[in-house]
């Protein structure tokens, strides 16, 4: 256990950030699953905008690696283009 006041505060702050990061990451994964399951053209285009925005935010905050976000967006874009065409 930490002895310094600042170290104790760090532990509290890190736990809060960890929970927030987990929630955002899980929410994005759920959106991706929802996007993959959708077949309606109008809905899938709207969902893709939401998912790509969420992935960008996760990458910006270093919750996921920027290349992982780019790869996921690329794969999903291929899927959306295939269904929208």
N, C-alpha and C. Protein backbone atom coordinates (compact mmCIF):
# COMPACT_ATOMS: atom_id res chain seq x y z
N UNK A 1 0.85 -1.19 0.00
CA UNK A 1 0.00 0.00 0.00
C UNK A 1 0.89 1.25 0.00
N UNK A 2 0.42 2.28 -0.64
CA UNK A 2 1.17 3.53 -0.74
C UNK A 2 1.22 4.24 0.61
N UNK A 3 2.32 4.93 0.83
CA UNK A 3 2.49 5.65 2.10
C UNK A 3 2.26 7.15 1.95
N UNK A 4 2.56 7.69 0.77
CA UNK A 4 2.43 9.14 0.58
C UNK A 4 1.00 9.49 0.18
N UNK A 5 0.61 10.69 0.58
CA UNK A 5 -0.72 11.17 0.25
C UNK A 5 -0.92 11.24 -1.26
N UNK A 6 0.09 11.72 -1.97
CA UNK A 6 -0.01 11.86 -3.42
C UNK A 6 -0.11 10.49 -4.11
N UNK A 7 0.58 9.50 -3.56
CA UNK A 7 0.52 8.15 -4.13
C UNK A 7 -0.86 7.54 -3.93
N UNK A 8 -1.46 7.79 -2.79
CA UNK A 8 -2.82 7.30 -2.52
C UNK A 8 -3.80 7.95 -3.49
N UNK A 9 -3.64 9.25 -3.72
CA UNK A 9 -4.51 9.95 -4.66
C UNK A 9 -4.32 9.41 -6.07
N UNK A 10 -3.07 9.12 -6.46
CA UNK A 10 -2.77 8.54 -7.78
C UNK A 10 -3.52 7.23 -7.97
N UNK A 11 -3.51 6.39 -6.91
CA UNK A 11 -4.19 5.10 -6.99
C UNK A 11 -5.68 5.30 -7.25
N UNK A 12 -6.28 6.25 -6.53
CA UNK A 12 -7.71 6.54 -6.73
C UNK A 12 -7.97 7.05 -8.14
N UNK A 13 -7.14 7.99 -8.58
CA UNK A 13 -7.33 8.59 -9.91
C UNK A 13 -7.13 7.55 -11.01
N UNK A 14 -6.11 6.69 -10.85
CA UNK A 14 -5.84 5.67 -11.86
C UNK A 14 -6.99 4.68 -11.97
N UNK A 15 -7.58 4.33 -10.85
CA UNK A 15 -8.72 3.40 -10.87
C UNK A 15 -9.92 4.02 -11.59
N UNK A 16 -10.16 5.30 -11.33
CA UNK A 16 -11.27 5.98 -12.00
C UNK A 16 -11.04 6.04 -13.50
N UNK A 17 -9.80 6.35 -13.90
CA UNK A 17 -9.47 6.42 -15.32
C UNK A 17 -9.57 5.04 -15.97
N UNK A 18 -9.13 4.00 -15.24
CA UNK A 18 -9.18 2.64 -15.78
C UNK A 18 -10.62 2.23 -16.06
N UNK A 19 -11.52 2.54 -15.14
CA UNK A 19 -12.93 2.20 -15.33
C UNK A 19 -13.53 2.98 -16.49
N UNK A 20 -13.18 4.25 -16.61
CA UNK A 20 -13.68 5.07 -17.70
C UNK A 20 -13.18 4.54 -19.04
N UNK A 21 -11.89 4.18 -19.11
CA UNK A 21 -11.32 3.64 -20.34
C UNK A 21 -11.98 2.31 -20.71
N UNK A 22 -12.21 1.45 -19.73
CA UNK A 22 -12.86 0.16 -20.00
C UNK A 22 -14.27 0.37 -20.55
N UNK A 23 -15.00 1.31 -19.95
CA UNK A 23 -16.36 1.58 -20.40
C UNK A 23 -16.37 2.07 -21.85
N UNK A 24 -15.50 3.02 -22.17
CA UNK A 24 -15.44 3.57 -23.53
C UNK A 24 -15.01 2.50 -24.53
N UNK A 25 -14.04 1.67 -24.16
CA UNK A 25 -13.55 0.62 -25.05
C UNK A 25 -14.65 -0.41 -25.31
N UNK A 26 -15.35 -0.80 -24.26
CA UNK A 26 -16.42 -1.80 -24.38
C UNK A 26 -17.58 -1.23 -25.20
N UNK A 27 -17.91 0.03 -24.99
CA UNK A 27 -18.99 0.66 -25.75
C UNK A 27 -18.67 0.68 -27.24
N UNK A 28 -17.42 0.95 -27.57
CA UNK A 28 -17.00 0.98 -28.97
C UNK A 28 -17.06 -0.41 -29.57
N UNK A 29 -16.62 -1.42 -28.81
CA UNK A 29 -16.69 -2.80 -29.31
C UNK A 29 -18.13 -3.22 -29.57
N UNK A 30 -19.05 -2.79 -28.70
CA UNK A 30 -20.46 -3.11 -28.88
C UNK A 30 -21.00 -2.44 -30.14
N UNK A 31 -20.61 -1.19 -30.37
CA UNK A 31 -21.02 -0.49 -31.59
C UNK A 31 -20.52 -1.21 -32.84
N UNK A 32 -19.29 -1.71 -32.78
CA UNK A 32 -18.71 -2.42 -33.92
C UNK A 32 -19.50 -3.69 -34.21
N UNK A 33 -19.86 -4.43 -33.15
CA UNK A 33 -20.66 -5.64 -33.33
C UNK A 33 -22.02 -5.31 -33.93
N UNK A 34 -22.60 -4.23 -33.46
CA UNK A 34 -23.90 -3.78 -33.98
C UNK A 34 -23.78 -3.43 -35.46
N UNK A 35 -22.69 -2.76 -35.84
CA UNK A 35 -22.45 -2.38 -37.23
C UNK A 35 -22.31 -3.61 -38.11
N UNK A 36 -21.56 -4.60 -37.64
CA UNK A 36 -21.34 -5.82 -38.43
C UNK A 36 -22.65 -6.60 -38.62
N UNK A 37 -23.55 -6.51 -37.66
CA UNK A 37 -24.81 -7.27 -37.73
C UNK A 37 -25.87 -6.57 -38.59
N UNK A 38 -25.68 -5.29 -38.87
CA UNK A 38 -26.68 -4.51 -39.60
C UNK A 38 -26.58 -4.76 -41.10
N UNK A 39 -27.76 -4.79 -41.75
CA UNK A 39 -27.79 -4.96 -43.20
C UNK A 39 -28.48 -3.79 -43.91
N UNK A 40 -29.12 -2.91 -43.15
CA UNK A 40 -29.81 -1.76 -43.73
C UNK A 40 -28.81 -0.69 -44.16
N UNK A 41 -28.91 -0.23 -45.40
CA UNK A 41 -27.92 0.70 -45.96
C UNK A 41 -27.86 2.03 -45.20
N UNK A 42 -29.01 2.62 -44.93
CA UNK A 42 -29.03 3.93 -44.26
C UNK A 42 -28.49 3.85 -42.84
N UNK A 43 -28.87 2.80 -42.15
CA UNK A 43 -28.45 2.63 -40.76
C UNK A 43 -26.95 2.38 -40.69
N UNK A 44 -26.44 1.57 -41.61
CA UNK A 44 -25.02 1.19 -41.55
C UNK A 44 -24.10 2.39 -41.81
N UNK A 45 -24.53 3.31 -42.67
CA UNK A 45 -23.72 4.50 -42.94
C UNK A 45 -23.65 5.39 -41.70
N UNK A 46 -24.80 5.55 -41.03
CA UNK A 46 -24.85 6.36 -39.82
C UNK A 46 -24.03 5.72 -38.70
N UNK A 47 -24.17 4.40 -38.55
CA UNK A 47 -23.41 3.69 -37.53
C UNK A 47 -21.91 3.77 -37.78
N UNK A 48 -21.52 3.71 -39.06
CA UNK A 48 -20.09 3.77 -39.39
C UNK A 48 -19.50 5.11 -38.95
N UNK A 49 -20.25 6.19 -39.11
CA UNK A 49 -19.77 7.50 -38.66
C UNK A 49 -19.54 7.49 -37.15
N UNK A 50 -20.49 6.92 -36.41
CA UNK A 50 -20.35 6.85 -34.96
C UNK A 50 -19.15 6.01 -34.55
N UNK A 51 -19.00 4.85 -35.19
CA UNK A 51 -17.92 3.94 -34.83
C UNK A 51 -16.56 4.55 -35.15
N UNK A 52 -16.43 5.16 -36.32
CA UNK A 52 -15.13 5.74 -36.68
C UNK A 52 -14.78 6.89 -35.75
N UNK A 53 -15.77 7.66 -35.35
CA UNK A 53 -15.54 8.74 -34.40
C UNK A 53 -15.08 8.18 -33.05
N UNK A 54 -15.75 7.13 -32.60
CA UNK A 54 -15.40 6.52 -31.31
C UNK A 54 -13.99 5.93 -31.36
N UNK A 55 -13.65 5.28 -32.47
CA UNK A 55 -12.30 4.71 -32.61
C UNK A 55 -11.24 5.80 -32.60
N UNK A 56 -11.53 6.91 -33.28
CA UNK A 56 -10.58 8.02 -33.29
C UNK A 56 -10.36 8.58 -31.88
N UNK A 57 -11.45 8.68 -31.12
CA UNK A 57 -11.34 9.19 -29.75
C UNK A 57 -10.51 8.25 -28.88
N UNK A 58 -10.73 6.93 -29.04
CA UNK A 58 -9.95 5.96 -28.26
C UNK A 58 -8.47 6.04 -28.62
N UNK A 59 -8.18 6.21 -29.90
CA UNK A 59 -6.79 6.30 -30.33
C UNK A 59 -6.15 7.59 -29.83
N UNK A 60 -6.92 8.67 -29.86
CA UNK A 60 -6.40 9.96 -29.42
C UNK A 60 -6.02 9.92 -27.93
N UNK A 61 -6.80 9.19 -27.14
CA UNK A 61 -6.54 9.10 -25.70
C UNK A 61 -5.62 7.93 -25.34
N UNK A 62 -5.05 7.28 -26.35
CA UNK A 62 -4.15 6.14 -26.16
C UNK A 62 -4.80 4.97 -25.42
N UNK A 63 -6.10 4.82 -25.57
CA UNK A 63 -6.77 3.65 -25.01
C UNK A 63 -6.50 2.46 -25.93
N UNK A 64 -6.50 2.72 -27.23
CA UNK A 64 -6.06 1.72 -28.21
C UNK A 64 -4.99 2.38 -29.07
N UNK A 65 -4.20 1.55 -29.74
CA UNK A 65 -3.13 2.07 -30.60
C UNK A 65 -3.74 2.71 -31.84
N UNK A 66 -3.10 3.75 -32.35
CA UNK A 66 -3.64 4.47 -33.50
C UNK A 66 -3.71 3.58 -34.74
N UNK A 67 -2.75 2.66 -34.89
CA UNK A 67 -2.79 1.76 -36.05
C UNK A 67 -3.93 0.76 -35.94
N UNK A 68 -4.24 0.33 -34.73
CA UNK A 68 -5.37 -0.58 -34.54
C UNK A 68 -6.66 0.12 -34.93
N UNK A 69 -6.79 1.37 -34.53
CA UNK A 69 -7.99 2.14 -34.90
C UNK A 69 -8.08 2.28 -36.41
N UNK A 70 -6.96 2.57 -37.06
CA UNK A 70 -6.94 2.72 -38.51
C UNK A 70 -7.30 1.42 -39.20
N UNK A 71 -6.76 0.29 -38.71
CA UNK A 71 -7.06 -1.01 -39.30
C UNK A 71 -8.54 -1.36 -39.16
N UNK A 72 -9.10 -1.11 -37.98
CA UNK A 72 -10.51 -1.42 -37.76
C UNK A 72 -11.40 -0.55 -38.64
N UNK A 73 -11.07 0.74 -38.74
CA UNK A 73 -11.86 1.64 -39.58
C UNK A 73 -11.79 1.21 -41.04
N UNK A 74 -10.62 0.78 -41.48
CA UNK A 74 -10.44 0.34 -42.85
C UNK A 74 -11.30 -0.89 -43.16
N UNK A 75 -11.26 -1.87 -42.27
CA UNK A 75 -12.05 -3.09 -42.46
C UNK A 75 -13.55 -2.78 -42.47
N UNK A 76 -13.96 -1.92 -41.55
CA UNK A 76 -15.38 -1.57 -41.48
C UNK A 76 -15.82 -0.76 -42.69
N UNK A 77 -14.92 0.08 -43.21
CA UNK A 77 -15.23 0.87 -44.40
C UNK A 77 -15.46 -0.05 -45.59
N UNK A 78 -14.63 -1.10 -45.70
CA UNK A 78 -14.82 -2.08 -46.78
C UNK A 78 -16.18 -2.74 -46.66
N UNK A 79 -16.55 -3.11 -45.45
CA UNK A 79 -17.85 -3.73 -45.21
C UNK A 79 -19.00 -2.80 -45.58
N UNK A 80 -18.89 -1.55 -45.15
CA UNK A 80 -19.94 -0.57 -45.42
C UNK A 80 -20.06 -0.32 -46.92
N UNK A 81 -18.93 -0.17 -47.60
CA UNK A 81 -18.96 0.07 -49.04
C UNK A 81 -19.55 -1.11 -49.81
N UNK A 82 -19.26 -2.31 -49.34
CA UNK A 82 -19.79 -3.52 -49.99
C UNK A 82 -21.31 -3.57 -49.85
N UNK A 83 -21.81 -3.22 -48.66
CA UNK A 83 -23.25 -3.29 -48.42
C UNK A 83 -23.98 -2.10 -49.05
N UNK A 84 -23.34 -0.94 -49.05
CA UNK A 84 -24.00 0.27 -49.58
C UNK A 84 -24.03 0.27 -51.10
N UNK A 85 -23.15 -0.49 -51.74
CA UNK A 85 -23.09 -0.50 -53.21
C UNK A 85 -24.18 -1.33 -53.83
